[in-house]
Amino acid sequence: MARPDKAAAVAELAERFRGANAAVLTEYRGLTVAQLKTLRKALGGNAQYAVVKNTLTAIAAKEAGLEGLDDALAGPSAIAFVTGDPVEAAKGLRDFAKANPALVIKAGVLDGRPLTAADITKLADLESREVLLAKAAGAMKAKLYQAAYLFTAPASQAVRTVEALRAKQESDAAA
């Protein structure tokens, strides 16, 4: 029979899993409290970083319908529950892990799909959502300008041809 405090912890973790776009499981062995505080600040409003118990996390993940975290739940674990942009959170974790090698990114979940540590690194290498949208908008705008030029080119060429003929007629009439 589960104790009420453990049941409440499992319910809270399951709710965090359901409310997050992504979750990144890390091992924080060797990090000081000050370093964890710095990591939380680095993640900012994109994610909440919480130290978790492995057994309770495994139960909560199953309740939330998530698969793929059970194998990585070993040793001291902490989870970044990402509510904002997953790319920004992955970049924050990657950059912090480069500066502090004691932080190990073990696994994650993005929109219900399990991720490996390599997948999270690939996600961190992506440009932010705003940059990708701006690039797409720029590409669409360029194509529209090309189409507009293509449609106006025959008309402007006809105008230049008519103007050349008129100039030729005037020069012939003057001669």
N, C-alpha and C. Protein backbone atom coordinates (compact mmCIF):
# COMPACT_ATOMS: atom_id res chain seq x y z
N MET A 1 0.85 -1.18 0.00
CA MET A 1 0.00 0.00 0.00
C MET A 1 0.90 1.24 0.00
N ALA A 2 0.60 2.15 -0.87
CA ALA A 2 1.42 3.35 -1.01
C ALA A 2 1.13 4.34 0.12
N ARG A 3 2.19 4.98 0.57
CA ARG A 3 2.01 6.00 1.59
C ARG A 3 1.44 7.25 0.91
N PRO A 4 0.66 8.03 1.66
CA PRO A 4 0.02 9.21 1.05
C PRO A 4 1.02 10.22 0.47
N ASP A 5 2.16 10.41 1.13
CA ASP A 5 3.13 11.37 0.61
C ASP A 5 3.76 10.89 -0.69
N LYS A 6 4.00 9.57 -0.79
CA LYS A 6 4.54 9.03 -2.03
C LYS A 6 3.50 9.08 -3.15
N ALA A 7 2.26 8.79 -2.81
CA ALA A 7 1.18 8.86 -3.81
C ALA A 7 1.03 10.28 -4.32
N ALA A 8 1.15 11.26 -3.43
CA ALA A 8 1.06 12.66 -3.84
C ALA A 8 2.24 13.05 -4.72
N ALA A 9 3.43 12.55 -4.39
CA ALA A 9 4.62 12.84 -5.20
C ALA A 9 4.48 12.24 -6.60
N VAL A 10 3.95 11.02 -6.68
CA VAL A 10 3.74 10.37 -7.98
C VAL A 10 2.71 11.14 -8.79
N ALA A 11 1.63 11.58 -8.13
CA ALA A 11 0.59 12.34 -8.83
C ALA A 11 1.15 13.67 -9.35
N GLU A 12 1.99 14.33 -8.55
CA GLU A 12 2.59 15.60 -8.98
C GLU A 12 3.53 15.40 -10.16
N LEU A 13 4.36 14.34 -10.09
CA LEU A 13 5.27 14.06 -11.20
C LEU A 13 4.50 13.70 -12.48
N ALA A 14 3.44 12.91 -12.34
CA ALA A 14 2.63 12.53 -13.50
C ALA A 14 1.99 13.77 -14.12
N GLU A 15 1.53 14.69 -13.28
CA GLU A 15 0.93 15.93 -13.79
C GLU A 15 1.99 16.79 -14.49
N ARG A 16 3.20 16.81 -13.96
CA ARG A 16 4.28 17.57 -14.62
C ARG A 16 4.62 16.95 -15.97
N PHE A 17 4.64 15.62 -16.04
CA PHE A 17 4.90 14.95 -17.31
C PHE A 17 3.81 15.30 -18.33
N ARG A 18 2.55 15.28 -17.89
CA ARG A 18 1.44 15.57 -18.80
C ARG A 18 1.46 17.03 -19.25
N GLY A 19 1.85 17.94 -18.38
CA GLY A 19 1.83 19.36 -18.70
C GLY A 19 3.05 19.86 -19.47
N ALA A 20 4.06 19.02 -19.61
CA ALA A 20 5.30 19.45 -20.27
C ALA A 20 5.31 19.03 -21.74
N ASN A 21 5.91 19.87 -22.58
CA ASN A 21 6.11 19.52 -23.99
C ASN A 21 7.17 18.44 -24.11
N ALA A 22 8.16 18.53 -23.23
CA ALA A 22 9.28 17.60 -23.25
C ALA A 22 9.81 17.44 -21.83
N ALA A 23 10.55 16.38 -21.61
CA ALA A 23 11.22 16.15 -20.33
C ALA A 23 12.60 15.57 -20.64
N VAL A 24 13.62 16.11 -19.95
CA VAL A 24 14.98 15.64 -20.17
C VAL A 24 15.51 15.10 -18.85
N LEU A 25 15.91 13.83 -18.87
CA LEU A 25 16.42 13.15 -17.68
C LEU A 25 17.93 13.31 -17.63
N THR A 26 18.42 13.80 -16.49
CA THR A 26 19.86 14.03 -16.33
C THR A 26 20.37 13.37 -15.06
N GLU A 27 21.68 13.19 -15.01
CA GLU A 27 22.34 12.73 -13.78
C GLU A 27 23.17 13.90 -13.27
N TYR A 28 22.96 14.25 -12.01
CA TYR A 28 23.60 15.44 -11.46
C TYR A 28 24.69 15.11 -10.45
N ARG A 29 25.17 13.88 -10.42
CA ARG A 29 26.18 13.46 -9.45
C ARG A 29 27.42 14.35 -9.57
N GLY A 30 27.84 14.93 -8.43
CA GLY A 30 29.03 15.76 -8.42
C GLY A 30 28.77 17.25 -8.55
N LEU A 31 27.53 17.64 -8.80
CA LEU A 31 27.22 19.07 -8.90
C LEU A 31 26.87 19.64 -7.52
N THR A 32 27.30 20.85 -7.28
CA THR A 32 26.98 21.50 -6.01
C THR A 32 25.61 22.14 -6.10
N VAL A 33 25.11 22.55 -4.95
CA VAL A 33 23.81 23.24 -4.91
C VAL A 33 23.89 24.54 -5.70
N ALA A 34 25.00 25.24 -5.61
CA ALA A 34 25.17 26.49 -6.34
C ALA A 34 25.14 26.25 -7.85
N GLN A 35 25.76 25.16 -8.29
CA GLN A 35 25.74 24.83 -9.72
C GLN A 35 24.33 24.47 -10.19
N LEU A 36 23.58 23.74 -9.36
CA LEU A 36 22.20 23.42 -9.72
C LEU A 36 21.35 24.69 -9.79
N LYS A 37 21.62 25.62 -8.91
CA LYS A 37 20.90 26.90 -8.92
C LYS A 37 21.22 27.66 -10.21
N THR A 38 22.47 27.63 -10.63
CA THR A 38 22.88 28.27 -11.88
C THR A 38 22.19 27.60 -13.07
N LEU A 39 22.09 26.28 -13.03
CA LEU A 39 21.40 25.56 -14.10
C LEU A 39 19.94 25.95 -14.17
N ARG A 40 19.30 26.05 -13.04
CA ARG A 40 17.88 26.44 -13.01
C ARG A 40 17.70 27.84 -13.60
N LYS A 41 18.62 28.74 -13.28
CA LYS A 41 18.56 30.10 -13.85
C LYS A 41 18.80 30.06 -15.35
N ALA A 42 19.72 29.20 -15.80
CA ALA A 42 20.03 29.10 -17.23
C ALA A 42 18.83 28.59 -18.02
N LEU A 43 18.07 27.69 -17.42
CA LEU A 43 16.88 27.17 -18.09
C LEU A 43 15.77 28.22 -18.11
N GLY A 44 15.75 29.09 -17.13
CA GLY A 44 14.80 30.19 -17.10
C GLY A 44 13.35 29.73 -17.11
N GLY A 45 12.54 30.42 -17.89
CA GLY A 45 11.12 30.12 -17.95
C GLY A 45 10.77 28.97 -18.86
N ASN A 46 11.77 28.43 -19.57
CA ASN A 46 11.51 27.33 -20.50
C ASN A 46 11.27 26.00 -19.81
N ALA A 47 11.87 25.81 -18.62
CA ALA A 47 11.81 24.50 -17.98
C ALA A 47 11.94 24.62 -16.47
N GLN A 48 11.41 23.61 -15.80
CA GLN A 48 11.59 23.46 -14.35
C GLN A 48 12.51 22.27 -14.14
N TYR A 49 13.55 22.47 -13.34
CA TYR A 49 14.52 21.41 -13.10
C TYR A 49 14.30 20.89 -11.69
N ALA A 50 14.01 19.59 -11.57
CA ALA A 50 13.69 19.02 -10.27
C ALA A 50 14.43 17.70 -10.05
N VAL A 51 14.96 17.54 -8.85
CA VAL A 51 15.58 16.28 -8.44
C VAL A 51 14.45 15.32 -8.10
N VAL A 52 14.56 14.09 -8.62
CA VAL A 52 13.46 13.13 -8.46
C VAL A 52 13.97 11.79 -7.94
N LYS A 53 13.05 11.02 -7.38
CA LYS A 53 13.34 9.65 -6.97
C LYS A 53 13.02 8.73 -8.15
N ASN A 54 13.92 7.80 -8.43
CA ASN A 54 13.80 6.96 -9.63
C ASN A 54 12.52 6.11 -9.64
N THR A 55 12.22 5.46 -8.52
CA THR A 55 11.04 4.57 -8.50
C THR A 55 9.75 5.36 -8.70
N LEU A 56 9.66 6.49 -8.00
CA LEU A 56 8.46 7.31 -8.12
C LEU A 56 8.35 7.89 -9.54
N THR A 57 9.47 8.23 -10.13
CA THR A 57 9.46 8.77 -11.49
C THR A 57 9.02 7.70 -12.49
N ALA A 58 9.48 6.47 -12.31
CA ALA A 58 9.08 5.38 -13.21
C ALA A 58 7.57 5.15 -13.13
N ILE A 59 7.03 5.18 -11.92
CA ILE A 59 5.58 5.00 -11.74
C ILE A 59 4.83 6.15 -12.38
N ALA A 60 5.30 7.38 -12.14
CA ALA A 60 4.62 8.57 -12.68
C ALA A 60 4.68 8.59 -14.21
N ALA A 61 5.81 8.17 -14.78
CA ALA A 61 5.93 8.13 -16.24
C ALA A 61 4.94 7.13 -16.84
N LYS A 62 4.78 5.99 -16.19
CA LYS A 62 3.81 5.01 -16.68
C LYS A 62 2.39 5.55 -16.57
N GLU A 63 2.09 6.25 -15.47
CA GLU A 63 0.76 6.85 -15.31
C GLU A 63 0.49 7.90 -16.37
N ALA A 64 1.54 8.65 -16.75
CA ALA A 64 1.38 9.70 -17.76
C ALA A 64 1.40 9.13 -19.18
N GLY A 65 1.67 7.84 -19.32
CA GLY A 65 1.68 7.20 -20.63
C GLY A 65 2.98 7.37 -21.39
N LEU A 66 4.08 7.60 -20.68
CA LEU A 66 5.38 7.78 -21.32
C LEU A 66 6.20 6.51 -21.22
N GLU A 67 6.89 6.19 -22.29
CA GLU A 67 7.74 5.01 -22.33
C GLU A 67 9.18 5.44 -22.61
N GLY A 68 10.13 4.61 -22.27
CA GLY A 68 11.51 4.83 -22.65
C GLY A 68 12.39 5.45 -21.58
N LEU A 69 11.85 5.80 -20.42
CA LEU A 69 12.67 6.39 -19.38
C LEU A 69 13.17 5.36 -18.37
N ASP A 70 12.55 4.19 -18.32
CA ASP A 70 12.87 3.20 -17.29
C ASP A 70 14.34 2.79 -17.29
N ASP A 71 14.92 2.60 -18.48
CA ASP A 71 16.31 2.16 -18.56
C ASP A 71 17.28 3.22 -18.04
N ALA A 72 16.93 4.48 -18.20
CA ALA A 72 17.84 5.57 -17.81
C ALA A 72 17.69 5.97 -16.35
N LEU A 73 16.69 5.43 -15.67
CA LEU A 73 16.45 5.80 -14.27
C LEU A 73 17.36 5.00 -13.34
N ALA A 74 18.60 5.42 -13.26
CA ALA A 74 19.57 4.79 -12.36
C ALA A 74 20.51 5.88 -11.87
N GLY A 75 20.87 5.81 -10.62
CA GLY A 75 21.74 6.83 -10.05
C GLY A 75 20.96 8.09 -9.70
N PRO A 76 21.65 9.11 -9.24
CA PRO A 76 20.96 10.35 -8.88
C PRO A 76 20.39 11.03 -10.12
N SER A 77 19.07 11.17 -10.16
CA SER A 77 18.40 11.68 -11.35
C SER A 77 17.69 12.99 -11.06
N ALA A 78 17.66 13.82 -12.08
CA ALA A 78 16.89 15.06 -12.06
C ALA A 78 16.28 15.21 -13.44
N ILE A 79 15.11 15.84 -13.48
CA ILE A 79 14.39 16.00 -14.74
C ILE A 79 14.13 17.47 -14.99
N ALA A 80 14.37 17.88 -16.24
CA ALA A 80 13.98 19.22 -16.69
C ALA A 80 12.65 19.06 -17.40
N PHE A 81 11.58 19.56 -16.78
CA PHE A 81 10.26 19.52 -17.39
C PHE A 81 10.13 20.78 -18.25
N VAL A 82 10.11 20.60 -19.56
CA VAL A 82 10.13 21.72 -20.51
C VAL A 82 8.70 22.12 -20.85
N THR A 83 8.36 23.36 -20.52
CA THR A 83 7.04 23.88 -20.87
C THR A 83 7.13 24.89 -22.01
N GLY A 84 8.31 25.42 -22.26
CA GLY A 84 8.51 26.39 -23.34
C GLY A 84 9.07 25.72 -24.57
N ASP A 85 10.02 26.38 -25.20
CA ASP A 85 10.64 25.87 -26.41
C ASP A 85 11.63 24.75 -26.07
N PRO A 86 11.40 23.52 -26.55
CA PRO A 86 12.30 22.41 -26.24
C PRO A 86 13.72 22.63 -26.75
N VAL A 87 13.86 23.34 -27.86
CA VAL A 87 15.20 23.58 -28.42
C VAL A 87 16.01 24.47 -27.47
N GLU A 88 15.38 25.51 -26.95
CA GLU A 88 16.08 26.42 -26.03
C GLU A 88 16.48 25.69 -24.75
N ALA A 89 15.59 24.84 -24.23
CA ALA A 89 15.93 24.08 -23.02
C ALA A 89 17.06 23.10 -23.29
N ALA A 90 17.03 22.43 -24.44
CA ALA A 90 18.10 21.49 -24.79
C ALA A 90 19.43 22.22 -24.95
N LYS A 91 19.39 23.43 -25.52
CA LYS A 91 20.62 24.23 -25.65
C LYS A 91 21.16 24.61 -24.28
N GLY A 92 20.25 25.02 -23.37
CA GLY A 92 20.68 25.39 -22.03
C GLY A 92 21.33 24.22 -21.31
N LEU A 93 20.73 23.05 -21.41
CA LEU A 93 21.30 21.86 -20.77
C LEU A 93 22.63 21.47 -21.42
N ARG A 94 22.70 21.51 -22.74
CA ARG A 94 23.93 21.15 -23.44
C ARG A 94 25.08 22.09 -23.06
N ASP A 95 24.79 23.40 -23.06
CA ASP A 95 25.83 24.38 -22.73
C ASP A 95 26.29 24.23 -21.28
N PHE A 96 25.34 23.97 -20.38
CA PHE A 96 25.71 23.79 -18.98
C PHE A 96 26.53 22.51 -18.82
N ALA A 97 26.17 21.45 -19.55
CA ALA A 97 26.91 20.18 -19.47
C ALA A 97 28.33 20.34 -20.02
N LYS A 98 28.52 21.21 -21.02
CA LYS A 98 29.86 21.46 -21.54
C LYS A 98 30.72 22.15 -20.49
N ALA A 99 30.11 23.12 -19.79
CA ALA A 99 30.85 23.86 -18.76
C ALA A 99 31.04 23.04 -17.49
N ASN A 100 30.09 22.13 -17.20
CA ASN A 100 30.13 21.30 -16.00
C ASN A 100 29.96 19.84 -16.41
N PRO A 101 31.05 19.14 -16.69
CA PRO A 101 30.96 17.76 -17.18
C PRO A 101 30.28 16.79 -16.20
N ALA A 102 30.07 17.20 -14.96
CA ALA A 102 29.40 16.32 -14.00
C ALA A 102 27.93 16.13 -14.37
N LEU A 103 27.35 17.06 -15.11
CA LEU A 103 25.96 16.91 -15.55
C LEU A 103 25.95 16.02 -16.78
N VAL A 104 25.21 14.91 -16.69
CA VAL A 104 25.12 13.96 -17.80
C VAL A 104 23.68 13.90 -18.27
N ILE A 105 23.47 14.17 -19.54
CA ILE A 105 22.13 14.05 -20.13
C ILE A 105 21.94 12.59 -20.50
N LYS A 106 20.92 11.94 -19.91
CA LYS A 106 20.74 10.50 -20.10
C LYS A 106 19.69 10.16 -21.15
N ALA A 107 18.54 10.80 -21.08
CA ALA A 107 17.45 10.47 -22.00
C ALA A 107 16.41 11.57 -21.92
N GLY A 108 15.34 11.39 -22.67
CA GLY A 108 14.28 12.38 -22.63
C GLY A 108 13.04 11.91 -23.35
N VAL A 109 12.04 12.77 -23.33
CA VAL A 109 10.78 12.51 -24.01
C VAL A 109 10.35 13.82 -24.65
N LEU A 110 9.96 13.76 -25.93
CA LEU A 110 9.46 14.94 -26.63
C LEU A 110 8.13 14.57 -27.26
N ASP A 111 7.07 15.22 -26.82
CA ASP A 111 5.71 14.95 -27.32
C ASP A 111 5.37 13.47 -27.27
N GLY A 112 5.74 12.79 -26.18
CA GLY A 112 5.42 11.39 -25.99
C GLY A 112 6.37 10.42 -26.65
N ARG A 113 7.34 10.92 -27.40
CA ARG A 113 8.29 10.07 -28.11
C ARG A 113 9.61 10.04 -27.35
N PRO A 114 10.15 8.85 -27.06
CA PRO A 114 11.41 8.78 -26.31
C PRO A 114 12.59 9.33 -27.12
N LEU A 115 13.52 9.97 -26.41
CA LEU A 115 14.72 10.52 -27.03
C LEU A 115 15.95 9.96 -26.33
N THR A 116 17.00 9.73 -27.09
CA THR A 116 18.28 9.35 -26.51
C THR A 116 19.08 10.63 -26.24
N ALA A 117 20.22 10.48 -25.60
CA ALA A 117 21.08 11.63 -25.34
C ALA A 117 21.55 12.25 -26.66
N ALA A 118 21.81 11.42 -27.66
CA ALA A 118 22.22 11.93 -28.97
C ALA A 118 21.10 12.73 -29.63
N ASP A 119 19.85 12.27 -29.47
CA ASP A 119 18.71 13.01 -30.01
C ASP A 119 18.60 14.38 -29.37
N ILE A 120 18.84 14.45 -28.09
CA ILE A 120 18.74 15.72 -27.37
C ILE A 120 19.85 16.67 -27.84
N THR A 121 21.03 16.12 -28.11
CA THR A 121 22.13 16.94 -28.65
C THR A 121 21.77 17.47 -30.03
N LYS A 122 21.15 16.63 -30.87
CA LYS A 122 20.71 17.08 -32.19
C LYS A 122 19.66 18.18 -32.06
N LEU A 123 18.76 18.02 -31.11
CA LEU A 123 17.73 19.02 -30.86
C LEU A 123 18.36 20.34 -30.43
N ALA A 124 19.41 20.26 -29.63
CA ALA A 124 20.09 21.48 -29.17
C ALA A 124 20.83 22.16 -30.31
N ASP A 125 21.24 21.40 -31.31
CA ASP A 125 21.96 21.99 -32.44
C ASP A 125 21.03 22.71 -33.41
N LEU A 126 19.73 22.49 -33.30
CA LEU A 126 18.78 23.19 -34.15
C LEU A 126 18.75 24.67 -33.80
N GLU A 127 18.38 25.47 -34.77
CA GLU A 127 18.19 26.89 -34.49
C GLU A 127 16.84 27.05 -33.79
N SER A 128 16.64 28.19 -33.16
CA SER A 128 15.41 28.40 -32.41
C SER A 128 14.21 28.47 -33.36
N ARG A 129 13.05 28.30 -32.83
CA ARG A 129 11.81 28.30 -33.61
C ARG A 129 11.65 29.60 -34.38
N GLU A 130 11.97 30.73 -33.73
CA GLU A 130 11.80 32.03 -34.36
C GLU A 130 12.71 32.17 -35.57
N VAL A 131 13.96 31.69 -35.45
CA VAL A 131 14.91 31.78 -36.56
C VAL A 131 14.43 30.90 -37.72
N LEU A 132 13.97 29.69 -37.42
CA LEU A 132 13.49 28.80 -38.48
C LEU A 132 12.26 29.39 -39.18
N LEU A 133 11.35 30.00 -38.41
CA LEU A 133 10.18 30.63 -39.01
C LEU A 133 10.59 31.83 -39.88
N ALA A 134 11.56 32.61 -39.41
CA ALA A 134 12.03 33.75 -40.19
C ALA A 134 12.67 33.30 -41.51
N LYS A 135 13.43 32.21 -41.45
CA LYS A 135 14.05 31.68 -42.68
C LYS A 135 12.97 31.20 -43.66
N ALA A 136 11.95 30.53 -43.14
CA ALA A 136 10.87 30.05 -44.00
C ALA A 136 10.12 31.23 -44.62
N ALA A 137 9.85 32.26 -43.82
CA ALA A 137 9.16 33.43 -44.33
C ALA A 137 10.01 34.13 -45.39
N GLY A 138 11.32 34.23 -45.17
CA GLY A 138 12.21 34.84 -46.15
C GLY A 138 12.23 34.07 -47.45
N ALA A 139 12.24 32.75 -47.36
CA ALA A 139 12.23 31.91 -48.56
C ALA A 139 10.93 32.09 -49.33
N MET A 140 9.81 32.15 -48.62
CA MET A 140 8.52 32.35 -49.29
C MET A 140 8.46 33.73 -49.94
N LYS A 141 8.97 34.74 -49.25
CA LYS A 141 8.96 36.09 -49.79
C LYS A 141 9.81 36.16 -51.06
N ALA A 142 10.96 35.52 -51.05
CA ALA A 142 11.83 35.50 -52.23
C ALA A 142 11.12 34.84 -53.41
N LYS A 143 10.43 33.75 -53.15
CA LYS A 143 9.71 33.07 -54.23
C LYS A 143 8.59 33.95 -54.78
N LEU A 144 7.92 34.69 -53.90
CA LEU A 144 6.87 35.60 -54.37
C LEU A 144 7.44 36.71 -55.24
N TYR A 145 8.59 37.25 -54.86
CA TYR A 145 9.24 38.28 -55.68
C TYR A 145 9.65 37.72 -57.03
N GLN A 146 10.15 36.48 -57.03
CA GLN A 146 10.53 35.85 -58.30
C GLN A 146 9.31 35.68 -59.19
N ALA A 147 8.20 35.25 -58.61
CA ALA A 147 6.98 35.07 -59.39
C ALA A 147 6.48 36.41 -59.92
N ALA A 148 6.50 37.45 -59.09
CA ALA A 148 6.06 38.77 -59.53
C ALA A 148 6.93 39.27 -60.67
N TYR A 149 8.23 39.08 -60.60
CA TYR A 149 9.14 39.49 -61.67
C TYR A 149 8.84 38.71 -62.94
N LEU A 150 8.59 37.41 -62.78
CA LEU A 150 8.31 36.57 -63.93
C LEU A 150 7.04 37.03 -64.65
N PHE A 151 6.03 37.41 -63.88
CA PHE A 151 4.77 37.84 -64.49
C PHE A 151 4.88 39.23 -65.11
N THR A 152 5.71 40.11 -64.58
CA THR A 152 5.83 41.47 -65.12
C THR A 152 6.89 41.57 -66.20
N ALA A 153 7.77 40.59 -66.33
CA ALA A 153 8.85 40.65 -67.32
C ALA A 153 8.32 40.77 -68.75
N PRO A 154 7.36 39.96 -69.21
CA PRO A 154 6.89 40.10 -70.60
C PRO A 154 6.27 41.48 -70.87
N ALA A 155 5.53 42.01 -69.91
CA ALA A 155 4.92 43.33 -70.11
C ALA A 155 5.98 44.41 -70.22
N SER A 156 6.98 44.39 -69.36
CA SER A 156 8.02 45.42 -69.42
C SER A 156 8.86 45.25 -70.69
N GLN A 157 9.06 44.02 -71.13
CA GLN A 157 9.81 43.80 -72.37
C GLN A 157 9.02 44.34 -73.56
N ALA A 158 7.71 44.14 -73.55
CA ALA A 158 6.87 44.68 -74.63
C ALA A 158 6.92 46.20 -74.64
N VAL A 159 6.91 46.81 -73.46
CA VAL A 159 6.99 48.28 -73.38
C VAL A 159 8.32 48.76 -73.94
N ARG A 160 9.42 48.08 -73.60
CA ARG A 160 10.73 48.47 -74.12
C ARG A 160 10.79 48.30 -75.64
N THR A 161 10.19 47.24 -76.16
CA THR A 161 10.18 47.01 -77.60
C THR A 161 9.38 48.09 -78.31
N VAL A 162 8.20 48.43 -77.79
CA VAL A 162 7.37 49.48 -78.38
C VAL A 162 8.10 50.81 -78.34
N GLU A 163 8.77 51.10 -77.23
CA GLU A 163 9.51 52.35 -77.10
C GLU A 163 10.67 52.39 -78.09
N ALA A 164 11.35 51.27 -78.31
CA ALA A 164 12.44 51.22 -79.28
C ALA A 164 11.91 51.44 -80.69
N LEU A 165 10.77 50.83 -81.03
CA LEU A 165 10.16 51.02 -82.35
C LEU A 165 9.75 52.48 -82.55
N ARG A 166 9.18 53.11 -81.52
CA ARG A 166 8.77 54.50 -81.60
C ARG A 166 9.98 55.40 -81.82
N ALA A 167 11.06 55.11 -81.08
CA ALA A 167 12.28 55.91 -81.24
C ALA A 167 12.86 55.72 -82.63
N LYS A 168 12.77 54.50 -83.17
CA LYS A 168 13.29 54.24 -84.51
C LYS A 168 12.46 54.97 -85.55
N GLN A 169 11.14 54.96 -85.39
CA GLN A 169 10.26 55.68 -86.33
C GLN A 169 10.52 57.17 -86.31
N GLU A 170 10.73 57.72 -85.10
CA GLU A 170 11.01 59.15 -85.01
C GLU A 170 12.33 59.47 -85.68
N SER A 171 13.35 58.62 -85.52
CA SER A 171 14.64 58.87 -86.16
C SER A 171 14.55 58.71 -87.68
N ASP A 172 13.73 57.75 -88.13
CA ASP A 172 13.52 57.58 -89.57
C ASP A 172 12.74 58.76 -90.15
N ALA A 173 11.76 59.27 -89.41
CA ALA A 173 10.95 60.40 -89.87
C ALA A 173 11.81 61.67 -89.91
N ALA A 174 12.72 61.82 -88.99
CA ALA A 174 13.60 62.99 -88.95
C ALA A 174 14.64 62.92 -90.08
N ALA A 175 14.98 61.75 -90.50
CA ALA A 175 16.00 61.60 -91.55
C ALA A 175 15.38 61.70 -92.88
